[in-house]
Amino acid sequence: MGKTYGYCRVSSRDHNEYRQLITMKEMNVPERNVFVDKQSGKDFNRPQYKRLVRRIKAGDVLYIKSIDRLGRNYKEIQEQWKIITKDKGTDIVVVDKPLLDTRREKNLLGTFISDMVLALLSYVVVRGKMILPSHGKEFFTSYGKHFFTCKILLDICICCRE
């Protein structure tokens, strides 16, 4: 059995990672295996993240509280997910999105659903980051139907897995 790791990220030094650390404790991740960066998720040039990726190996499990804690760049989230799960052979568990748990259903359907949900959620993370800070309410008025569509797709995926 492999080791368990956790990754936490907050956008700046004055933000608090406490809730993410509590989640890692709830997932029984040893403190010495939790890596924390206090910088933007715009790219993956983060010291603790790089250290984590060097350390993980096949059979390990990486816990992340939320997909946006991994990053905020659509293409790079996809690339890093591939590096961790396919190249390194490490499973990823996104705690707040049970569909993004690569330990489950390691067959073609499971991989397809996980890849589809990852793509969808990565898009929502990036799109939300681009619009929400400056437009908040208008975003939900204009794009609410898209979030509703995403929810329907996620509900369908949940039904497929049950």
C-alpha atoms as a PDB file:
ATOM      1  CA  MET A   1       0.000   0.000   0.000  1.00  0.00           C
ATOM      2  CA  GLY A   2       1.274   3.455  -0.950  1.00  0.00           C
ATOM      3  CA  LYS A   3       1.530   6.610   1.106  1.00  0.00           C
ATOM      4  CA  THR A   4      -1.096   9.311   1.433  1.00  0.00           C
ATOM      5  CA  TYR A   5      -0.317  12.925   0.651  1.00  0.00           C
ATOM      6  CA  GLY A   6      -2.226  16.175   0.764  1.00  0.00           C
ATOM      7  CA  TYR A   7      -1.884  19.411  -1.151  1.00  0.00           C
ATOM      8  CA  CYS A   8      -3.232  22.748   0.063  1.00  0.00           C
ATOM      9  CA  ARG A   9      -2.986  26.114  -1.636  1.00  0.00           C
ATOM     10  CA  VAL A  10      -4.109  29.592  -0.724  1.00  0.00           C
ATOM     11  CA  SER A  11      -3.697  32.554  -3.043  1.00  0.00           C
ATOM     12  CA  SER A  12      -1.485  34.695  -0.837  1.00  0.00           C
ATOM     13  CA  ARG A  13       0.408  34.763   2.446  1.00  0.00           C
ATOM     14  CA  ASP A  14      -2.411  36.615   4.232  1.00  0.00           C
ATOM     15  CA  HIS A  15      -4.983  33.903   3.381  1.00  0.00           C
ATOM     16  CA  ASN A  16      -5.543  31.033   5.794  1.00  0.00           C
ATOM     17  CA  GLU A  17      -5.163  27.368   4.819  1.00  0.00           C
ATOM     18  CA  TYR A  18      -6.728  26.134   8.080  1.00  0.00           C
ATOM     19  CA  ARG A  19      -9.893  24.597   6.542  1.00  0.00           C
ATOM     20  CA  GLN A  20      -7.851  22.686   3.996  1.00  0.00           C
ATOM     21  CA  LEU A  21      -5.535  21.395   6.732  1.00  0.00           C
ATOM     22  CA  ILE A  22      -8.557  20.196   8.724  1.00  0.00           C
ATOM     23  CA  THR A  23      -9.727  18.289   5.651  1.00  0.00           C
ATOM     24  CA  MET A  24      -6.301  16.648   5.311  1.00  0.00           C
ATOM     25  CA  LYS A  25      -6.469  15.590   8.953  1.00  0.00           C
ATOM     26  CA  GLU A  26      -9.979  14.161   8.413  1.00  0.00           C
ATOM     27  CA  MET A  27      -8.578  12.157   5.465  1.00  0.00           C
ATOM     28  CA  ASN A  28      -5.843  10.789   7.774  1.00  0.00           C
ATOM     29  CA  VAL A  29      -3.019  12.373   5.804  1.00  0.00           C
ATOM     30  CA  PRO A  30       0.104  12.481   8.006  1.00  0.00           C
ATOM     31  CA  GLU A  31       1.176  16.081   8.722  1.00  0.00           C
ATOM     32  CA  ARG A  32       4.628  15.446   7.259  1.00  0.00           C
ATOM     33  CA  ASN A  33       2.950  14.500   3.946  1.00  0.00           C
ATOM     34  CA  VAL A  34       0.909  17.706   3.585  1.00  0.00           C
ATOM     35  CA  PHE A  35       2.370  20.275   1.206  1.00  0.00           C
ATOM     36  CA  VAL A  36       1.173  23.890   1.403  1.00  0.00           C
ATOM     37  CA  ASP A  37       1.777  26.741  -1.031  1.00  0.00           C
ATOM     38  CA  LYS A  38       0.766  30.321  -0.370  1.00  0.00           C
ATOM     39  CA  GLN A  39       0.649  31.758  -3.845  1.00  0.00           C
ATOM     40  CA  SER A  40      -1.524  32.128  -6.898  1.00  0.00           C
ATOM     41  CA  GLY A  41      -2.889  29.137  -8.767  1.00  0.00           C
ATOM     42  CA  LYS A  42      -2.294  30.812 -12.143  1.00  0.00           C
ATOM     43  CA  ASP A  43       0.472  28.307 -12.909  1.00  0.00           C
ATOM     44  CA  PHE A  44       2.201  25.327 -11.319  1.00  0.00           C
ATOM     45  CA  ASN A  45       5.501  27.041 -10.621  1.00  0.00           C
ATOM     46  CA  ARG A  46       5.051  26.563  -6.862  1.00  0.00           C
ATOM     47  CA  PRO A  47       7.838  25.192  -4.642  1.00  0.00           C
ATOM     48  CA  GLN A  48       5.791  22.857  -2.438  1.00  0.00           C
ATOM     49  CA  TYR A  49       3.781  21.545  -5.365  1.00  0.00           C
ATOM     50  CA  LYS A  50       6.979  20.731  -7.261  1.00  0.00           C
ATOM     51  CA  ARG A  51       8.376  19.002  -4.158  1.00  0.00           C
ATOM     52  CA  LEU A  52       5.169  16.975  -3.832  1.00  0.00           C
ATOM     53  CA  VAL A  53       5.223  15.844  -7.471  1.00  0.00           C
ATOM     54  CA  ARG A  54       8.844  14.721  -7.105  1.00  0.00           C
ATOM     55  CA  ARG A  55       7.940  12.666  -4.041  1.00  0.00           C
ATOM     56  CA  ILE A  56       4.733  10.864  -5.104  1.00  0.00           C
ATOM     57  CA  LYS A  57       4.913   7.535  -6.873  1.00  0.00           C
ATOM     58  CA  ALA A  58       2.753   4.682  -8.126  1.00  0.00           C
ATOM     59  CA  GLY A  59       0.314   3.417  -5.522  1.00  0.00           C
ATOM     60  CA  ASP A  60       0.231   6.666  -3.522  1.00  0.00           C
ATOM     61  CA  VAL A  61      -2.924   8.728  -2.993  1.00  0.00           C
ATOM     62  CA  LEU A  62      -3.059  12.543  -3.199  1.00  0.00           C
ATOM     63  CA  TYR A  63      -5.891  14.397  -1.446  1.00  0.00           C
ATOM     64  CA  ILE A  64      -6.963  17.881  -2.550  1.00  0.00           C
ATOM     65  CA  LYS A  65      -9.880  19.624  -0.859  1.00  0.00           C
ATOM     66  CA  SER A  66     -11.181  21.241  -4.065  1.00  0.00           C
ATOM     67  CA  ILE A  67     -10.112  21.263  -7.715  1.00  0.00           C
ATOM     68  CA  ASP A  68      -9.487  25.029  -7.606  1.00  0.00           C
ATOM     69  CA  ARG A  69      -6.842  24.432  -4.930  1.00  0.00           C
ATOM     70  CA  LEU A  70      -4.859  22.501  -7.515  1.00  0.00           C
ATOM     71  CA  GLY A  71      -4.828  25.431  -9.917  1.00  0.00           C
ATOM     72  CA  ARG A  72      -6.701  27.985 -11.978  1.00  0.00           C
ATOM     73  CA  ASN A  73      -5.319  27.347 -15.445  1.00  0.00           C
ATOM     74  CA  TYR A  74      -7.474  24.969 -17.496  1.00  0.00           C
ATOM     75  CA  LYS A  75      -4.736  23.535 -19.688  1.00  0.00           C
ATOM     76  CA  GLU A  76      -2.255  23.145 -16.836  1.00  0.00           C
ATOM     77  CA  ILE A  77      -4.809  21.465 -14.533  1.00  0.00           C
ATOM     78  CA  GLN A  78      -5.394  18.896 -17.271  1.00  0.00           C
ATOM     79  CA  GLU A  79      -1.647  18.399 -17.813  1.00  0.00           C
ATOM     80  CA  GLN A  80      -0.837  18.073 -14.119  1.00  0.00           C
ATOM     81  CA  TRP A  81      -3.723  15.615 -13.598  1.00  0.00           C
ATOM     82  CA  LYS A  82      -2.250  13.460 -16.375  1.00  0.00           C
ATOM     83  CA  ILE A  83       1.264  13.656 -14.924  1.00  0.00           C
ATOM     84  CA  ILE A  84       0.054  12.621 -11.475  1.00  0.00           C
ATOM     85  CA  THR A  85      -2.454   9.919 -12.417  1.00  0.00           C
ATOM     86  CA  LYS A  86      -1.087   8.466 -15.638  1.00  0.00           C
ATOM     87  CA  ASP A  87       2.664   9.150 -15.666  1.00  0.00           C
ATOM     88  CA  LYS A  88       3.292   8.812 -11.913  1.00  0.00           C
ATOM     89  CA  GLY A  89       0.533   6.264 -11.211  1.00  0.00           C
ATOM     90  CA  THR A  90      -0.705   8.183  -8.161  1.00  0.00           C
ATOM     91  CA  ASP A  91      -4.424   8.357  -7.409  1.00  0.00           C
ATOM     92  CA  ILE A  92      -6.080  11.726  -6.779  1.00  0.00           C
ATOM     93  CA  VAL A  93      -9.053  12.310  -4.498  1.00  0.00           C
ATOM     94  CA  VAL A  94     -10.777  15.688  -4.767  1.00  0.00           C
ATOM     95  CA  VAL A  95     -12.587  15.639  -1.440  1.00  0.00           C
ATOM     96  CA  ASP A  96     -15.494  17.927  -2.308  1.00  0.00           C
ATOM     97  CA  LYS A  97     -16.165  16.172  -5.660  1.00  0.00           C
ATOM     98  CA  PRO A  98     -16.527  12.404  -5.145  1.00  0.00           C
ATOM     99  CA  LEU A  99     -16.642  11.832  -8.910  1.00  0.00           C
ATOM    100  CA  LEU A 100     -13.002  12.954  -8.984  1.00  0.00           C
ATOM    101  CA  ASP A 101     -11.631   9.982  -7.071  1.00  0.00           C
ATOM    102  CA  THR A 102      -9.354   7.980  -9.333  1.00  0.00           C
ATOM    103  CA  ARG A 103      -9.226   5.056  -6.882  1.00  0.00           C
ATOM    104  CA  ARG A 104     -12.711   4.024  -7.974  1.00  0.00           C
ATOM    105  CA  GLU A 105     -13.765   2.324 -11.161  1.00  0.00           C
ATOM    106  CA  LYS A 106     -10.435   1.871 -12.891  1.00  0.00           C
ATOM    107  CA  ASN A 107     -12.129   0.783 -16.091  1.00  0.00           C
ATOM    108  CA  LEU A 108     -12.899   2.595 -19.320  1.00  0.00           C
ATOM    109  CA  LEU A 109     -16.206   4.046 -18.078  1.00  0.00           C
ATOM    110  CA  GLY A 110     -14.664   5.239 -14.804  1.00  0.00           C
ATOM    111  CA  THR A 111     -11.782   6.880 -16.643  1.00  0.00           C
ATOM    112  CA  PHE A 112     -14.157   8.504 -19.142  1.00  0.00           C
ATOM    113  CA  ILE A 113     -16.409   9.921 -16.414  1.00  0.00           C
ATOM    114  CA  SER A 114     -13.459  11.164 -14.353  1.00  0.00           C
ATOM    115  CA  ASP A 115     -11.868  12.840 -17.393  1.00  0.00           C
ATOM    116  CA  MET A 116     -15.168  14.442 -18.411  1.00  0.00           C
ATOM    117  CA  VAL A 117     -15.912  15.770 -14.915  1.00  0.00           C
ATOM    118  CA  LEU A 118     -12.332  17.053 -14.557  1.00  0.00           C
ATOM    119  CA  ALA A 119     -12.602  18.922 -17.854  1.00  0.00           C
ATOM    120  CA  LEU A 120     -15.962  20.395 -16.895  1.00  0.00           C
ATOM    121  CA  LEU A 121     -14.920  21.466 -13.400  1.00  0.00           C
ATOM    122  CA  SER A 122     -11.591  22.850 -14.630  1.00  0.00           C
ATOM    123  CA  TYR A 123     -13.497  24.978 -17.114  1.00  0.00           C
ATOM    124  CA  VAL A 124     -15.880  26.226 -14.411  1.00  0.00           C
ATOM    125  CA  VAL A 125     -12.937  27.092 -12.127  1.00  0.00           C
ATOM    126  CA  VAL A 126     -11.175  29.089 -14.842  1.00  0.00           C
ATOM    127  CA  ARG A 127     -14.333  30.726 -16.165  1.00  0.00           C
ATOM    128  CA  GLY A 128     -15.453  31.674 -12.670  1.00  0.00           C
ATOM    129  CA  LYS A 129     -12.042  33.152 -11.844  1.00  0.00           C
ATOM    130  CA  MET A 130     -12.099  35.288 -14.991  1.00  0.00           C
ATOM    131  CA  ILE A 131     -15.578  36.709 -14.390  1.00  0.00           C
ATOM    132  CA  LEU A 132     -16.547  36.559 -10.712  1.00  0.00           C
ATOM    133  CA  PRO A 133     -14.179  39.099  -9.123  1.00  0.00           C
ATOM    134  CA  SER A 134     -15.372  41.960 -11.295  1.00  0.00           C
ATOM    135  CA  HIS A 135     -18.897  40.988 -12.281  1.00  0.00           C
ATOM    136  CA  GLY A 136     -20.324  38.721  -9.558  1.00  0.00           C
ATOM    137  CA  LYS A 137     -24.093  39.012  -9.882  1.00  0.00           C
ATOM    138  CA  GLU A 138     -24.063  39.558 -13.653  1.00  0.00           C
ATOM    139  CA  PHE A 139     -22.140  36.322 -14.072  1.00  0.00           C
ATOM    140  CA  PHE A 140     -24.828  34.278 -12.385  1.00  0.00           C
ATOM    141  CA  THR A 141     -27.562  36.085 -14.281  1.00  0.00           C
ATOM    142  CA  SER A 142     -25.835  35.569 -17.641  1.00  0.00           C
ATOM    143  CA  TYR A 143     -24.282  32.173 -17.072  1.00  0.00           C
ATOM    144  CA  GLY A 144     -26.639  30.576 -14.558  1.00  0.00           C
ATOM    145  CA  LYS A 145     -28.128  28.358 -17.245  1.00  0.00           C
ATOM    146  CA  HIS A 146     -24.648  26.952 -17.946  1.00  0.00           C
ATOM    147  CA  PHE A 147     -24.171  26.052 -14.306  1.00  0.00           C
ATOM    148  CA  PHE A 148     -27.599  24.425 -14.344  1.00  0.00           C
ATOM    149  CA  THR A 149     -26.507  22.392 -17.393  1.00  0.00           C
ATOM    150  CA  CYS A 150     -23.299  21.410 -15.582  1.00  0.00           C
ATOM    151  CA  LYS A 151     -25.338  20.256 -12.598  1.00  0.00           C
ATOM    152  CA  ILE A 152     -27.520  18.114 -14.839  1.00  0.00           C
ATOM    153  CA  LEU A 153     -24.402  16.571 -16.414  1.00  0.00           C
ATOM    154  CA  LEU A 154     -22.947  15.857 -12.983  1.00  0.00           C
ATOM    155  CA  ASP A 155     -26.224  14.290 -11.853  1.00  0.00           C
ATOM    156  CA  ILE A 156     -26.190  12.063 -14.942  1.00  0.00           C
ATOM    157  CA  CYS A 157     -22.615  11.015 -14.170  1.00  0.00           C
ATOM    158  CA  ILE A 158     -23.591  10.168 -10.589  1.00  0.00           C
ATOM    159  CA  CYS A 159     -26.468   8.019 -11.855  1.00  0.00           C
ATOM    160  CA  CYS A 160     -24.115   6.218 -14.265  1.00  0.00           C
ATOM    161  CA  ARG A 161     -21.757   5.341 -11.439  1.00  0.00           C
ATOM    162  CA  GLU A 162     -24.397   4.051  -9.042  1.00  0.00           C
END
